[in-house]
Amino acid sequence: MKGGTALNLFVQDLPRLSVDIDVVFINHQVDRDNALKEIAQELQRIDAAIAVMGYETRTRKVHGGDEVKLDIFSAEAEVKVEVNFVFRGTVLPIETRSLSEKTQALFSKNIQVPVLSPSELYGSKLVAAMDRQHPRDFFDVLKMYESHGLTQEILDCFVAYLAGHNRPVHEVLFTNPQPMEATFKNEFVGMTSEPIHLDDLLQTQKRLMTELPRALTQNHRNFLLSLLESNPDWSLLPFKHLQELPAIQWKLQNLSHLKSKNPAKFQLQREALDERFKRQ
């Protein structure tokens, strides 16, 4: 498990509800076609088990996206399970975690599930926050700041996930703040265990966008620049199998294709990132 559900129901003590269940296919050595086959088989097994319980289900692949989704319906609620089939594998060992105390009390139940390590959860969450800028992501970042802040291991994981992201590195790392008023009102109010003000999330948005680029070490910066040269220096990050992850391989394939088809645009991505680093 990964994402907001893992953070808020297993790592943190239920500071907010989650809108979906994000899971990851952990074997990065399985090729894409076989991974999709295994994912489909597992979702079919889950689908059948849930249908017996009287719930409606629907499995779908997002057109043009990186996820397969299983939607589960009842008269009162809807649960979404999302499997990302591009970023397969993990950079840190997974952990087995139980539901937090408040979550156990709320549901009168406890389960144990394999979960990404907290550093990897937060590293990937930072990419999501900088990319889509949803209030729930900045709420999770706020809880990170309250708990321990930007640790070295979180930053390492952030750089790894940023390297495998489908958008240009500089566009995510040096993004411009987007308004959150409507999304906060329509999609976030009522999700937290304690009241949260929009200003708190706007301050977190500003803080993250200011501090995160500056927190990257010279090794982080050099790695990202080498990635954009299509010649990544893997020794600069502490993950021995990073180059084997499908999302990273896919990123390098896309960069190689761009280099051959549009050398000027390829060069521009590296120059744009280097220029922004020099402003820090």
C-alpha atoms as a PDB file:
ATOM      1  CA  MET A   1       0.000   0.000   0.000  1.00  0.00           C
ATOM      2  CA  LYS A   2       1.103   3.557  -0.684  1.00  0.00           C
ATOM      3  CA  GLY A   3      -0.354   7.056  -0.845  1.00  0.00           C
ATOM      4  CA  GLY A   4      -2.730   8.905   1.443  1.00  0.00           C
ATOM      5  CA  THR A   5      -4.446   5.836   2.872  1.00  0.00           C
ATOM      6  CA  ALA A   6      -1.124   4.364   3.972  1.00  0.00           C
ATOM      7  CA  LEU A   7      -0.010   7.667   5.484  1.00  0.00           C
ATOM      8  CA  ASN A   8      -3.210   8.559   7.307  1.00  0.00           C
ATOM      9  CA  LEU A   9      -4.492   5.157   8.436  1.00  0.00           C
ATOM     10  CA  PHE A  10      -1.203   3.376   9.138  1.00  0.00           C
ATOM     11  CA  VAL A  11       1.624   5.903   9.680  1.00  0.00           C
ATOM     12  CA  GLN A  12      -0.264   8.889  11.111  1.00  0.00           C
ATOM     13  CA  ASP A  13      -3.170   8.403  13.536  1.00  0.00           C
ATOM     14  CA  LEU A  14      -6.092   9.171  11.216  1.00  0.00           C
ATOM     15  CA  PRO A  15      -5.713  12.958  10.845  1.00  0.00           C
ATOM     16  CA  ARG A  16      -7.847  12.725   7.689  1.00  0.00           C
ATOM     17  CA  LEU A  17      -9.924  10.294   5.708  1.00  0.00           C
ATOM     18  CA  SER A  18      -8.632   9.040   2.361  1.00  0.00           C
ATOM     19  CA  VAL A  19     -10.405   9.033  -0.992  1.00  0.00           C
ATOM     20  CA  ASP A  20      -8.876   5.875  -2.444  1.00  0.00           C
ATOM     21  CA  ILE A  21      -6.540   2.960  -1.780  1.00  0.00           C
ATOM     22  CA  ASP A  22      -3.284   3.199  -3.736  1.00  0.00           C
ATOM     23  CA  VAL A  23      -1.301   0.001  -4.122  1.00  0.00           C
ATOM     24  CA  VAL A  24       1.964  -0.775  -5.877  1.00  0.00           C
ATOM     25  CA  PHE A  25       3.167  -3.843  -7.778  1.00  0.00           C
ATOM     26  CA  ILE A  26       6.375  -4.476  -5.853  1.00  0.00           C
ATOM     27  CA  ASN A  27       8.259  -6.822  -8.214  1.00  0.00           C
ATOM     28  CA  HIS A  28      10.080  -4.427 -10.538  1.00  0.00           C
ATOM     29  CA  GLN A  29      11.698  -7.286 -12.483  1.00  0.00           C
ATOM     30  CA  VAL A  30       8.431  -8.458 -14.053  1.00  0.00           C
ATOM     31  CA  ASP A  31       7.940  -6.950 -17.521  1.00  0.00           C
ATOM     32  CA  ARG A  32       5.000  -4.676 -18.259  1.00  0.00           C
ATOM     33  CA  ASP A  33       2.772  -7.219 -20.024  1.00  0.00           C
ATOM     34  CA  ASN A  34       3.182  -9.858 -17.339  1.00  0.00           C
ATOM     35  CA  ALA A  35       2.752  -7.257 -14.607  1.00  0.00           C
ATOM     36  CA  LEU A  36      -0.517  -6.124 -16.174  1.00  0.00           C
ATOM     37  CA  LYS A  37      -1.614  -9.750 -16.406  1.00  0.00           C
ATOM     38  CA  GLU A  38      -0.830 -10.377 -12.736  1.00  0.00           C
ATOM     39  CA  ILE A  39      -2.536  -7.148 -11.694  1.00  0.00           C
ATOM     40  CA  ALA A  40      -5.652  -8.059 -13.692  1.00  0.00           C
ATOM     41  CA  GLN A  41      -5.759 -11.534 -12.159  1.00  0.00           C
ATOM     42  CA  GLU A  42      -5.435 -10.179  -8.635  1.00  0.00           C
ATOM     43  CA  LEU A  43      -8.122  -7.545  -9.199  1.00  0.00           C
ATOM     44  CA  GLN A  44     -10.422 -10.229 -10.618  1.00  0.00           C
ATOM     45  CA  ARG A  45      -9.860 -12.312  -7.496  1.00  0.00           C
ATOM     46  CA  ILE A  46     -10.653  -9.340  -5.276  1.00  0.00           C
ATOM     47  CA  ASP A  47     -13.647  -8.463  -7.460  1.00  0.00           C
ATOM     48  CA  ALA A  48     -15.112 -11.950  -7.077  1.00  0.00           C
ATOM     49  CA  ALA A  49     -14.577 -12.003  -3.314  1.00  0.00           C
ATOM     50  CA  ILE A  50     -16.218  -8.607  -2.870  1.00  0.00           C
ATOM     51  CA  ALA A  51     -19.148  -9.429  -5.169  1.00  0.00           C
ATOM     52  CA  VAL A  52     -20.055 -12.350  -2.894  1.00  0.00           C
ATOM     53  CA  MET A  53     -20.404  -9.810  -0.079  1.00  0.00           C
ATOM     54  CA  GLY A  54     -23.095  -7.992  -2.053  1.00  0.00           C
ATOM     55  CA  TYR A  55     -21.161  -4.993  -3.348  1.00  0.00           C
ATOM     56  CA  GLU A  56     -21.090  -3.739  -6.921  1.00  0.00           C
ATOM     57  CA  THR A  57     -17.684  -3.536  -8.578  1.00  0.00           C
ATOM     58  CA  ARG A  58     -16.122  -2.178 -11.743  1.00  0.00           C
ATOM     59  CA  THR A  59     -12.572  -2.639 -13.038  1.00  0.00           C
ATOM     60  CA  ARG A  60     -11.149  -0.168 -15.540  1.00  0.00           C
ATOM     61  CA  LYS A  61      -7.870   1.054 -16.987  1.00  0.00           C
ATOM     62  CA  VAL A  62      -7.571   4.812 -17.172  1.00  0.00           C
ATOM     63  CA  HIS A  63      -7.249   5.798 -20.823  1.00  0.00           C
ATOM     64  CA  GLY A  64      -3.821   7.276 -21.416  1.00  0.00           C
ATOM     65  CA  GLY A  65      -2.975   6.881 -17.746  1.00  0.00           C
ATOM     66  CA  ASP A  66      -0.679   4.778 -15.624  1.00  0.00           C
ATOM     67  CA  GLU A  67      -3.258   3.101 -13.405  1.00  0.00           C
ATOM     68  CA  VAL A  68      -5.743   0.258 -13.261  1.00  0.00           C
ATOM     69  CA  LYS A  69      -8.716   0.978 -11.010  1.00  0.00           C
ATOM     70  CA  LEU A  70     -11.192  -1.167  -9.115  1.00  0.00           C
ATOM     71  CA  ASP A  71     -14.295   0.727  -7.993  1.00  0.00           C
ATOM     72  CA  ILE A  72     -16.438  -0.784  -5.227  1.00  0.00           C
ATOM     73  CA  PHE A  73     -19.948   0.546  -4.572  1.00  0.00           C
ATOM     74  CA  SER A  74     -22.659   0.229  -1.952  1.00  0.00           C
ATOM     75  CA  ALA A  75     -25.761   2.309  -1.309  1.00  0.00           C
ATOM     76  CA  GLU A  76     -23.828   4.359   1.242  1.00  0.00           C
ATOM     77  CA  ALA A  77     -20.279   4.604  -0.045  1.00  0.00           C
ATOM     78  CA  GLU A  78     -17.725   4.114  -2.801  1.00  0.00           C
ATOM     79  CA  VAL A  79     -14.161   2.824  -2.454  1.00  0.00           C
ATOM     80  CA  LYS A  80     -11.534   3.146  -5.191  1.00  0.00           C
ATOM     81  CA  VAL A  81      -8.492   0.892  -5.443  1.00  0.00           C
ATOM     82  CA  GLU A  82      -5.760   2.142  -7.797  1.00  0.00           C
ATOM     83  CA  VAL A  83      -2.748   0.161  -9.009  1.00  0.00           C
ATOM     84  CA  ASN A  84       0.041   2.108 -10.710  1.00  0.00           C
ATOM     85  CA  PHE A  85       1.565  -0.201 -13.329  1.00  0.00           C
ATOM     86  CA  VAL A  86       4.332   2.160 -14.492  1.00  0.00           C
ATOM     87  CA  PHE A  87       6.088   2.903 -11.185  1.00  0.00           C
ATOM     88  CA  ARG A  88       6.458  -0.749 -10.252  1.00  0.00           C
ATOM     89  CA  GLY A  89       8.828  -1.706  -7.480  1.00  0.00           C
ATOM     90  CA  THR A  90      10.076   0.198  -4.444  1.00  0.00           C
ATOM     91  CA  VAL A  91      13.315   1.943  -3.536  1.00  0.00           C
ATOM     92  CA  LEU A  92      13.250   0.947   0.152  1.00  0.00           C
ATOM     93  CA  PRO A  93      12.173  -2.298   1.841  1.00  0.00           C
ATOM     94  CA  ILE A  94       8.455  -2.549   2.543  1.00  0.00           C
ATOM     95  CA  GLU A  95       7.137  -2.724   6.102  1.00  0.00           C
ATOM     96  CA  THR A  96       4.196  -4.533   7.686  1.00  0.00           C
ATOM     97  CA  ARG A  97       1.964  -2.118   9.580  1.00  0.00           C
ATOM     98  CA  SER A  98      -1.228  -2.285  11.606  1.00  0.00           C
ATOM     99  CA  LEU A  99      -4.029   0.252  11.488  1.00  0.00           C
ATOM    100  CA  SER A 100      -3.447   3.234  13.771  1.00  0.00           C
ATOM    101  CA  GLU A 101      -5.192   3.314  17.148  1.00  0.00           C
ATOM    102  CA  LYS A 102      -7.894   5.787  16.096  1.00  0.00           C
ATOM    103  CA  THR A 103      -8.541   3.875  12.877  1.00  0.00           C
ATOM    104  CA  GLN A 104      -8.953   0.632  14.821  1.00  0.00           C
ATOM    105  CA  ALA A 105     -11.368   2.352  17.189  1.00  0.00           C
ATOM    106  CA  LEU A 106     -13.372   3.860  14.317  1.00  0.00           C
ATOM    107  CA  PHE A 107     -13.829   0.592  12.428  1.00  0.00           C
ATOM    108  CA  SER A 108     -13.659  -1.788  15.418  1.00  0.00           C
ATOM    109  CA  LYS A 109     -11.152  -3.806  13.448  1.00  0.00           C
ATOM    110  CA  ASN A 110      -7.437  -4.219  12.927  1.00  0.00           C
ATOM    111  CA  ILE A 111      -5.551  -5.470   9.893  1.00  0.00           C
ATOM    112  CA  GLN A 112      -1.888  -5.745   8.984  1.00  0.00           C
ATOM    113  CA  VAL A 113      -0.762  -4.921   5.460  1.00  0.00           C
ATOM    114  CA  PRO A 114       2.543  -4.429   3.613  1.00  0.00           C
ATOM    115  CA  VAL A 115       3.190  -0.699   3.301  1.00  0.00           C
ATOM    116  CA  LEU A 116       5.932   1.390   1.716  1.00  0.00           C
ATOM    117  CA  SER A 117       8.403   2.768   4.235  1.00  0.00           C
ATOM    118  CA  PRO A 118       7.415   6.177   5.672  1.00  0.00           C
ATOM    119  CA  SER A 119      10.314   7.873   3.864  1.00  0.00           C
ATOM    120  CA  GLU A 120       9.195   6.458   0.527  1.00  0.00           C
ATOM    121  CA  LEU A 121       5.563   7.327   1.262  1.00  0.00           C
ATOM    122  CA  TYR A 122       6.502  10.930   1.940  1.00  0.00           C
ATOM    123  CA  GLY A 123       9.010  11.109  -0.918  1.00  0.00           C
ATOM    124  CA  SER A 124       6.354  10.081  -3.429  1.00  0.00           C
ATOM    125  CA  LYS A 125       3.792  12.308  -1.700  1.00  0.00           C
ATOM    126  CA  LEU A 126       6.038  15.338  -2.241  1.00  0.00           C
ATOM    127  CA  VAL A 127       6.063  14.645  -5.981  1.00  0.00           C
ATOM    128  CA  ALA A 128       2.262  14.400  -5.962  1.00  0.00           C
ATOM    129  CA  ALA A 129       1.952  17.638  -3.995  1.00  0.00           C
ATOM    130  CA  MET A 130       4.219  19.565  -6.359  1.00  0.00           C
ATOM    131  CA  ASP A 131       2.545  18.049  -9.408  1.00  0.00           C
ATOM    132  CA  ARG A 132      -1.214  18.217  -8.775  1.00  0.00           C
ATOM    133  CA  GLN A 133      -1.311  20.662  -5.815  1.00  0.00           C
ATOM    134  CA  HIS A 134      -4.399  19.186  -4.161  1.00  0.00           C
ATOM    135  CA  PRO A 135      -5.305  20.312  -0.627  1.00  0.00           C
ATOM    136  CA  ARG A 136      -5.121  16.743   0.693  1.00  0.00           C
ATOM    137  CA  ASP A 137      -1.494  16.465  -0.481  1.00  0.00           C
ATOM    138  CA  PHE A 138      -0.491  19.678   1.268  1.00  0.00           C
ATOM    139  CA  PHE A 139      -2.334  18.499   4.374  1.00  0.00           C
ATOM    140  CA  ASP A 140      -0.182  15.358   4.350  1.00  0.00           C
ATOM    141  CA  VAL A 141       2.909  17.525   3.862  1.00  0.00           C
ATOM    142  CA  LEU A 142       1.826  19.675   6.819  1.00  0.00           C
ATOM    143  CA  LYS A 143       1.641  16.540   8.977  1.00  0.00           C
ATOM    144  CA  MET A 144       5.100  15.568   7.742  1.00  0.00           C
ATOM    145  CA  TYR A 145       6.474  18.940   8.833  1.00  0.00           C
ATOM    146  CA  GLU A 146       4.791  18.581  12.225  1.00  0.00           C
ATOM    147  CA  SER A 147       6.224  15.072  12.706  1.00  0.00           C
ATOM    148  CA  HIS A 148       9.804  15.297  11.450  1.00  0.00           C
ATOM    149  CA  GLY A 149      10.255  17.576   8.451  1.00  0.00           C
ATOM    150  CA  LEU A 150      12.316  16.909   5.328  1.00  0.00           C
ATOM    151  CA  THR A 151      14.764  14.164   6.251  1.00  0.00           C
ATOM    152  CA  GLN A 152      17.652  13.078   4.058  1.00  0.00           C
ATOM    153  CA  GLU A 153      15.973   9.744   3.320  1.00  0.00           C
ATOM    154  CA  ILE A 154      12.729  11.449   2.293  1.00  0.00           C
ATOM    155  CA  LEU A 155      14.683  13.719  -0.046  1.00  0.00           C
ATOM    156  CA  ASP A 156      16.486  10.723  -1.568  1.00  0.00           C
ATOM    157  CA  CYS A 157      13.129   9.057  -2.240  1.00  0.00           C
ATOM    158  CA  PHE A 158      11.668  12.281  -3.608  1.00  0.00           C
ATOM    159  CA  VAL A 159      14.471  12.591  -6.152  1.00  0.00           C
ATOM    160  CA  ALA A 160      14.011   8.956  -7.203  1.00  0.00           C
ATOM    161  CA  TYR A 161      10.269   9.419  -7.747  1.00  0.00           C
ATOM    162  CA  LEU A 162      10.806  12.765  -9.451  1.00  0.00           C
ATOM    163  CA  ALA A 163      13.223  11.066 -11.848  1.00  0.00           C
ATOM    164  CA  GLY A 164      10.513   8.586 -12.827  1.00  0.00           C
ATOM    165  CA  HIS A 165       7.771  11.183 -13.226  1.00  0.00           C
ATOM    166  CA  ASN A 166       6.260  11.778 -16.645  1.00  0.00           C
ATOM    167  CA  ARG A 167       6.579  15.577 -16.558  1.00  0.00           C
ATOM    168  CA  PRO A 168       9.854  17.476 -17.101  1.00  0.00           C
ATOM    169  CA  VAL A 169      11.842  17.694 -13.872  1.00  0.00           C
ATOM    170  CA  HIS A 170      12.032  21.490 -13.754  1.00  0.00           C
ATOM    171  CA  GLU A 171       8.277  21.854 -14.246  1.00  0.00           C
ATOM    172  CA  VAL A 172       7.569  19.807 -11.122  1.00  0.00           C
ATOM    173  CA  LEU A 173      10.446  20.928  -8.902  1.00  0.00           C
ATOM    174  CA  PHE A 174      10.033  24.630  -9.691  1.00  0.00           C
ATOM    175  CA  THR A 175       6.294  24.724 -10.253  1.00  0.00           C
ATOM    176  CA  ASN A 176       4.153  27.801  -9.677  1.00  0.00           C
ATOM    177  CA  PRO A 177       1.546  27.771  -6.889  1.00  0.00           C
ATOM    178  CA  GLN A 178      -1.966  27.022  -8.069  1.00  0.00           C
ATOM    179  CA  PRO A 179      -5.156  28.258  -6.359  1.00  0.00           C
ATOM    180  CA  MET A 180      -6.807  25.760  -4.026  1.00  0.00           C
ATOM    181  CA  GLU A 181      -9.904  27.631  -2.828  1.00  0.00           C
ATOM    182  CA  ALA A 182     -12.495  25.763  -4.917  1.00  0.00           C
ATOM    183  CA  THR A 183     -10.890  22.349  -4.447  1.00  0.00           C
ATOM    184  CA  PHE A 184     -10.583  22.944  -0.713  1.00  0.00           C
ATOM    185  CA  LYS A 185     -14.264  23.844  -0.427  1.00  0.00           C
ATOM    186  CA  ASN A 186     -15.643  21.175  -2.767  1.00  0.00           C
ATOM    187  CA  GLU A 187     -13.306  18.226  -2.191  1.00  0.00           C
ATOM    188  CA  PHE A 188     -11.556  18.583   1.149  1.00  0.00           C
ATOM    189  CA  VAL A 189     -13.660  20.274   3.825  1.00  0.00           C
ATOM    190  CA  GLY A 190     -14.952  17.656   6.260  1.00  0.00           C
ATOM    191  CA  MET A 191     -12.198  15.102   5.610  1.00  0.00           C
ATOM    192  CA  THR A 192     -10.028  15.962   8.623  1.00  0.00           C
ATOM    193  CA  SER A 193     -10.415  14.864  12.233  1.00  0.00           C
ATOM    194  CA  GLU A 194      -9.777  18.423  13.393  1.00  0.00           C
ATOM    195  CA  PRO A 195     -10.716  21.665  11.605  1.00  0.00           C
ATOM    196  CA  ILE A 196      -8.142  22.904   9.122  1.00  0.00           C
ATOM    197  CA  HIS A 197      -8.060  26.346   7.544  1.00  0.00           C
ATOM    198  CA  LEU A 198      -7.232  27.027   3.914  1.00  0.00           C
ATOM    199  CA  ASP A 199      -4.548  29.485   5.027  1.00  0.00           C
ATOM    200  CA  ASP A 200      -2.700  26.641   6.774  1.00  0.00           C
ATOM    201  CA  LEU A 201      -2.517  24.705   3.510  1.00  0.00           C
ATOM    202  CA  LEU A 202      -1.555  27.777   1.492  1.00  0.00           C
ATOM    203  CA  GLN A 203       1.301  28.419   3.928  1.00  0.00           C
ATOM    204  CA  THR A 204       2.377  24.781   3.582  1.00  0.00           C
ATOM    205  CA  GLN A 205       2.246  25.099  -0.206  1.00  0.00           C
ATOM    206  CA  LYS A 206       4.463  28.185  -0.061  1.00  0.00           C
ATOM    207  CA  ARG A 207       6.843  26.600   2.434  1.00  0.00           C
ATOM    208  CA  LEU A 208       7.292  23.406   0.436  1.00  0.00           C
ATOM    209  CA  MET A 209       7.853  25.211  -2.851  1.00  0.00           C
ATOM    210  CA  THR A 210      10.476  27.390  -1.189  1.00  0.00           C
ATOM    211  CA  GLU A 211      12.264  24.794   0.926  1.00  0.00           C
ATOM    212  CA  LEU A 212      12.183  21.652  -1.200  1.00  0.00           C
ATOM    213  CA  PRO A 213      14.409  22.801  -4.094  1.00  0.00           C
ATOM    214  CA  ARG A 214      16.865  24.372  -1.638  1.00  0.00           C
ATOM    215  CA  ALA A 215      16.983  21.192   0.455  1.00  0.00           C
ATOM    216  CA  LEU A 216      18.333  19.098  -2.414  1.00  0.00           C
ATOM    217  CA  THR A 217      22.002  18.253  -1.992  1.00  0.00           C
ATOM    218  CA  GLN A 218      24.623  18.670  -4.690  1.00  0.00           C
ATOM    219  CA  ASN A 219      24.391  14.919  -5.309  1.00  0.00           C
ATOM    220  CA  HIS A 220      20.646  15.217  -5.856  1.00  0.00           C
ATOM    221  CA  ARG A 221      21.136  18.079  -8.289  1.00  0.00           C
ATOM    222  CA  ASN A 222      23.936  16.371 -10.175  1.00  0.00           C
ATOM    223  CA  PHE A 223      21.906  13.188 -10.467  1.00  0.00           C
ATOM    224  CA  LEU A 224      18.916  14.987 -11.961  1.00  0.00           C
ATOM    225  CA  LEU A 225      21.135  16.901 -14.390  1.00  0.00           C
ATOM    226  CA  SER A 226      22.868  13.681 -15.447  1.00  0.00           C
ATOM    227  CA  LEU A 227      19.460  12.064 -15.928  1.00  0.00           C
ATOM    228  CA  LEU A 228      18.507  14.828 -18.339  1.00  0.00           C
ATOM    229  CA  GLU A 229      21.706  14.134 -20.259  1.00  0.00           C
ATOM    230  CA  SER A 230      20.463  10.531 -20.697  1.00  0.00           C
ATOM    231  CA  ASN A 231      23.527   9.437 -18.738  1.00  0.00           C
ATOM    232  CA  PRO A 232      22.432   9.192 -15.095  1.00  0.00           C
ATOM    233  CA  ASP A 233      25.111   8.792 -12.448  1.00  0.00           C
ATOM    234  CA  TRP A 234      23.472   6.094 -10.331  1.00  0.00           C
ATOM    235  CA  SER A 235      26.175   6.347  -7.660  1.00  0.00           C
ATOM    236  CA  LEU A 236      24.754   9.694  -6.541  1.00  0.00           C
ATOM    237  CA  LEU A 237      21.663   8.096  -4.979  1.00  0.00           C
ATOM    238  CA  PRO A 238      21.694   5.317  -2.342  1.00  0.00           C
ATOM    239  CA  PHE A 239      19.396   2.911  -4.218  1.00  0.00           C
ATOM    240  CA  LYS A 240      21.318   0.057  -5.850  1.00  0.00           C
ATOM    241  CA  HIS A 241      18.464  -1.055  -8.116  1.00  0.00           C
ATOM    242  CA  LEU A 242      17.128   2.374  -9.101  1.00  0.00           C
ATOM    243  CA  GLN A 243      18.181   1.937 -12.730  1.00  0.00           C
ATOM    244  CA  GLU A 244      16.114  -1.270 -12.897  1.00  0.00           C
ATOM    245  CA  LEU A 245      12.801   0.380 -12.012  1.00  0.00           C
ATOM    246  CA  PRO A 246      10.422   0.449 -15.000  1.00  0.00           C
ATOM    247  CA  ALA A 247       9.442   4.095 -14.494  1.00  0.00           C
ATOM    248  CA  ILE A 248      13.091   5.153 -14.646  1.00  0.00           C
ATOM    249  CA  GLN A 249      13.726   3.016 -17.724  1.00  0.00           C
ATOM    250  CA  TRP A 250      10.642   4.492 -19.384  1.00  0.00           C
ATOM    251  CA  LYS A 251      11.835   8.018 -18.573  1.00  0.00           C
ATOM    252  CA  LEU A 252      15.221   7.300 -20.147  1.00  0.00           C
ATOM    253  CA  GLN A 253      13.569   5.845 -23.253  1.00  0.00           C
ATOM    254  CA  ASN A 254      11.468   8.984 -23.626  1.00  0.00           C
ATOM    255  CA  LEU A 255      14.514  11.203 -23.170  1.00  0.00           C
ATOM    256  CA  SER A 256      16.460   9.194 -25.755  1.00  0.00           C
ATOM    257  CA  HIS A 257      13.573   9.500 -28.186  1.00  0.00           C
ATOM    258  CA  LEU A 258      13.359  13.250 -27.578  1.00  0.00           C
ATOM    259  CA  LYS A 259      17.118  13.617 -28.087  1.00  0.00           C
ATOM    260  CA  SER A 260      16.942  11.951 -31.501  1.00  0.00           C
ATOM    261  CA  LYS A 261      13.771  13.699 -32.658  1.00  0.00           C
ATOM    262  CA  ASN A 262      14.209  17.153 -31.166  1.00  0.00           C
ATOM    263  CA  PRO A 263      17.755  17.791 -29.868  1.00  0.00           C
ATOM    264  CA  ALA A 264      17.020  21.430 -29.088  1.00  0.00           C
ATOM    265  CA  LYS A 265      14.072  20.595 -26.846  1.00  0.00           C
ATOM    266  CA  PHE A 266      16.088  17.822 -25.205  1.00  0.00           C
ATOM    267  CA  GLN A 267      18.897  20.251 -24.382  1.00  0.00           C
ATOM    268  CA  LEU A 268      16.423  22.859 -23.177  1.00  0.00           C
ATOM    269  CA  GLN A 269      15.151  20.594 -20.366  1.00  0.00           C
ATOM    270  CA  ARG A 270      18.605  20.264 -18.851  1.00  0.00           C
ATOM    271  CA  GLU A 271      19.380  23.941 -19.302  1.00  0.00           C
ATOM    272  CA  ALA A 272      16.080  24.941 -17.692  1.00  0.00           C
ATOM    273  CA  LEU A 273      16.798  22.801 -14.639  1.00  0.00           C
ATOM    274  CA  ASP A 274      20.417  23.951 -14.349  1.00  0.00           C
ATOM    275  CA  GLU A 275      19.391  27.593 -14.626  1.00  0.00           C
ATOM    276  CA  ARG A 276      16.863  27.233 -11.820  1.00  0.00           C
ATOM    277  CA  PHE A 277      19.351  25.416  -9.607  1.00  0.00           C
ATOM    278  CA  LYS A 278      21.789  28.302 -10.026  1.00  0.00           C
ATOM    279  CA  ARG A 279      19.161  30.747  -8.756  1.00  0.00           C
ATOM    280  CA  GLN A 280      18.912  28.908  -5.428  1.00  0.00           C
END
